[in-house]
C-alpha atoms as a PDB file:
ATOM      1  CA  UNK A   1     -10.586  24.118   1.176  1.00  0.00           C
ATOM      2  CA  UNK A   2      -7.355  24.288   2.753  1.00  0.00           C
ATOM      3  CA  UNK A   3      -6.945  22.684   6.319  1.00  0.00           C
ATOM      4  CA  UNK A   4      -4.915  23.892   9.441  1.00  0.00           C
ATOM      5  CA  UNK A   5      -4.583  21.958  12.381  1.00  0.00           C
ATOM      6  CA  UNK A   6      -3.420  23.648  15.226  1.00  0.00           C
ATOM      7  CA  UNK A   7      -2.051  21.341  18.279  1.00  0.00           C
ATOM      8  CA  UNK A   8      -0.112  22.159  21.359  1.00  0.00           C
ATOM      9  CA  UNK A   9       1.259  18.659  21.162  1.00  0.00           C
ATOM     10  CA  UNK A  10      -1.397  16.582  23.019  1.00  0.00           C
ATOM     11  CA  UNK A  11      -4.952  15.193  21.153  1.00  0.00           C
ATOM     12  CA  UNK A  12      -7.100  16.852  23.614  1.00  0.00           C
ATOM     13  CA  UNK A  13      -5.186  20.125  22.029  1.00  0.00           C
ATOM     14  CA  UNK A  14      -5.771  19.761  18.858  1.00  0.00           C
ATOM     15  CA  UNK A  15      -8.115  21.627  16.462  1.00  0.00           C
ATOM     16  CA  UNK A  16      -8.510  21.597  12.143  1.00  0.00           C
ATOM     17  CA  UNK A  17      -9.874  24.655  10.605  1.00  0.00           C
ATOM     18  CA  UNK A  18     -10.470  26.326   7.726  1.00  0.00           C
ATOM     19  CA  UNK A  19      -7.506  27.842   6.774  1.00  0.00           C
ATOM     20  CA  UNK A  20      -8.938  30.781   5.016  1.00  0.00           C
ATOM     21  CA  UNK A  21     -11.486  31.765   7.801  1.00  0.00           C
ATOM     22  CA  UNK A  22     -10.098  29.789  10.541  1.00  0.00           C
ATOM     23  CA  UNK A  23     -13.348  28.139  11.566  1.00  0.00           C
ATOM     24  CA  UNK A  24     -13.237  24.952  13.337  1.00  0.00           C
ATOM     25  CA  UNK A  25     -14.321  21.553  11.097  1.00  0.00           C
ATOM     26  CA  UNK A  26     -16.135  19.688  13.357  1.00  0.00           C
ATOM     27  CA  UNK A  27     -16.596  16.170  13.199  1.00  0.00           C
ATOM     28  CA  UNK A  28     -12.771  14.484  12.235  1.00  0.00           C
ATOM     29  CA  UNK A  29     -11.817  11.494  13.421  1.00  0.00           C
ATOM     30  CA  UNK A  30      -8.185  11.297  11.987  1.00  0.00           C
ATOM     31  CA  UNK A  31      -5.673  12.314  10.430  1.00  0.00           C
ATOM     32  CA  UNK A  32      -2.809  10.448   8.457  1.00  0.00           C
ATOM     33  CA  UNK A  33       0.157  12.074   7.155  1.00  0.00           C
ATOM     34  CA  UNK A  34       2.836  10.359   5.100  1.00  0.00           C
ATOM     35  CA  UNK A  35       5.873  12.304   3.421  1.00  0.00           C
ATOM     36  CA  UNK A  36       8.714  11.053   1.782  1.00  0.00           C
ATOM     37  CA  UNK A  37      11.841  13.246   0.232  1.00  0.00           C
ATOM     38  CA  UNK A  38       9.436  14.625  -2.483  1.00  0.00           C
ATOM     39  CA  UNK A  39       5.863  14.132  -2.064  1.00  0.00           C
ATOM     40  CA  UNK A  40       2.718  14.412   1.150  1.00  0.00           C
ATOM     41  CA  UNK A  41       0.265  12.986   1.267  1.00  0.00           C
ATOM     42  CA  UNK A  42      -2.826  13.396   3.923  1.00  0.00           C
ATOM     43  CA  UNK A  43      -5.850  11.251   4.505  1.00  0.00           C
ATOM     44  CA  UNK A  44      -8.802  13.006   7.018  1.00  0.00           C
ATOM     45  CA  UNK A  45     -11.376  10.958   8.005  1.00  0.00           C
ATOM     46  CA  UNK A  46     -14.370  12.543   8.736  1.00  0.00           C
ATOM     47  CA  UNK A  47     -17.750  10.756  10.612  1.00  0.00           C
ATOM     48  CA  UNK A  48     -20.801  11.731   9.939  1.00  0.00           C
ATOM     49  CA  UNK A  49     -20.082  14.040   6.559  1.00  0.00           C
ATOM     50  CA  UNK A  50     -22.931  15.850   4.825  1.00  0.00           C
ATOM     51  CA  UNK A  51     -22.707  14.503   0.876  1.00  0.00           C
ATOM     52  CA  UNK A  52     -24.373  14.789  -2.270  1.00  0.00           C
ATOM     53  CA  UNK A  53     -23.713  12.316  -4.804  1.00  0.00           C
ATOM     54  CA  UNK A  54     -24.942  12.724  -8.121  1.00  0.00           C
ATOM     55  CA  UNK A  55     -25.269   9.186 -11.080  1.00  0.00           C
ATOM     56  CA  UNK A  56     -24.265   6.599  -8.012  1.00  0.00           C
ATOM     57  CA  UNK A  57     -24.813   3.265  -9.334  1.00  0.00           C
ATOM     58  CA  UNK A  58     -24.490  -0.266  -7.547  1.00  0.00           C
ATOM     59  CA  UNK A  59     -24.352  -3.462  -8.469  1.00  0.00           C
ATOM     60  CA  UNK A  60     -26.173  -6.125  -5.942  1.00  0.00           C
ATOM     61  CA  UNK A  61     -24.576  -9.530  -5.255  1.00  0.00           C
ATOM     62  CA  UNK A  62     -26.473 -11.932  -3.336  1.00  0.00           C
ATOM     63  CA  UNK A  63     -24.014 -14.849  -4.039  1.00  0.00           C
ATOM     64  CA  UNK A  64     -20.762 -14.465  -3.211  1.00  0.00           C
ATOM     65  CA  UNK A  65     -19.350 -17.374  -3.756  1.00  0.00           C
ATOM     66  CA  UNK A  66     -20.220 -16.865  -7.014  1.00  0.00           C
ATOM     67  CA  UNK A  67     -18.467 -13.753  -7.627  1.00  0.00           C
ATOM     68  CA  UNK A  68     -15.716 -15.251  -6.131  1.00  0.00           C
ATOM     69  CA  UNK A  69     -15.226 -18.044  -8.772  1.00  0.00           C
ATOM     70  CA  UNK A  70     -16.323 -16.012 -11.837  1.00  0.00           C
ATOM     71  CA  UNK A  71     -13.161 -13.904 -10.770  1.00  0.00           C
ATOM     72  CA  UNK A  72     -10.647 -17.350 -10.670  1.00  0.00           C
ATOM     73  CA  UNK A  73     -12.652 -18.558 -13.825  1.00  0.00           C
ATOM     74  CA  UNK A  74     -11.837 -15.441 -15.338  1.00  0.00           C
ATOM     75  CA  UNK A  75      -8.160 -15.154 -13.661  1.00  0.00           C
ATOM     76  CA  UNK A  76      -7.249 -18.681 -14.998  1.00  0.00           C
ATOM     77  CA  UNK A  77      -8.583 -17.602 -18.725  1.00  0.00           C
ATOM     78  CA  UNK A  78      -6.535 -14.531 -18.426  1.00  0.00           C
ATOM     79  CA  UNK A  79      -3.114 -16.400 -17.484  1.00  0.00           C
ATOM     80  CA  UNK A  80      -4.031 -19.589 -20.214  1.00  0.00           C
ATOM     81  CA  UNK A  81      -4.239 -16.772 -22.936  1.00  0.00           C
ATOM     82  CA  UNK A  82      -1.232 -15.757 -21.685  1.00  0.00           C
ATOM     83  CA  UNK A  83       0.671 -19.101 -21.980  1.00  0.00           C
ATOM     84  CA  UNK A  84       1.785 -18.225 -17.964  1.00  0.00           C
ATOM     85  CA  UNK A  85       1.050 -21.035 -15.599  1.00  0.00           C
ATOM     86  CA  UNK A  86       2.490 -18.215 -12.555  1.00  0.00           C
ATOM     87  CA  UNK A  87       6.075 -20.200 -11.883  1.00  0.00           C
ATOM     88  CA  UNK A  88       9.129 -18.555 -13.210  1.00  0.00           C
ATOM     89  CA  UNK A  89      10.576 -20.212 -16.327  1.00  0.00           C
ATOM     90  CA  UNK A  90      14.454 -20.787 -16.415  1.00  0.00           C
ATOM     91  CA  UNK A  91      14.990 -17.530 -18.985  1.00  0.00           C
ATOM     92  CA  UNK A  92      13.297 -15.332 -15.849  1.00  0.00           C
ATOM     93  CA  UNK A  93      15.482 -17.346 -13.311  1.00  0.00           C
ATOM     94  CA  UNK A  94      18.784 -16.693 -15.031  1.00  0.00           C
ATOM     95  CA  UNK A  95      17.890 -12.469 -15.825  1.00  0.00           C
ATOM     96  CA  UNK A  96      17.317 -12.531 -12.097  1.00  0.00           C
ATOM     97  CA  UNK A  97      20.422 -13.790 -10.700  1.00  0.00           C
ATOM     98  CA  UNK A  98      22.400 -11.663 -13.597  1.00  0.00           C
ATOM     99  CA  UNK A  99      20.533  -8.607 -12.398  1.00  0.00           C
ATOM    100  CA  UNK A 100      21.809  -9.699  -8.847  1.00  0.00           C
ATOM    101  CA  UNK A 101      25.374 -10.366  -9.758  1.00  0.00           C
ATOM    102  CA  UNK A 102      25.542  -6.733 -11.540  1.00  0.00           C
ATOM    103  CA  UNK A 103      24.131  -5.141  -8.307  1.00  0.00           C
ATOM    104  CA  UNK A 104      26.905  -6.438  -6.103  1.00  0.00           C
END
């Protein structure tokens, strides 16, 4: 579905319609547009959406702290296996200062 925003410049006069049928789309609570020189993105927030979801699965957590601890342990093991202690080495610092010097 393509959406069309029709407005006279105020929230009260703004409505969103189906661009193909002209029918107003209800229950939209907000629209956020973000643009740069190459792209435009839109986020549309609906209230009370009618959804049909298939193949939904979930994981139930009864102890959130246990999950947090497991994630910390996993991250610690991953950094240990790469030899990364989370600090910049002298070679890293030298490389960054050289790059900064080239940009000036």
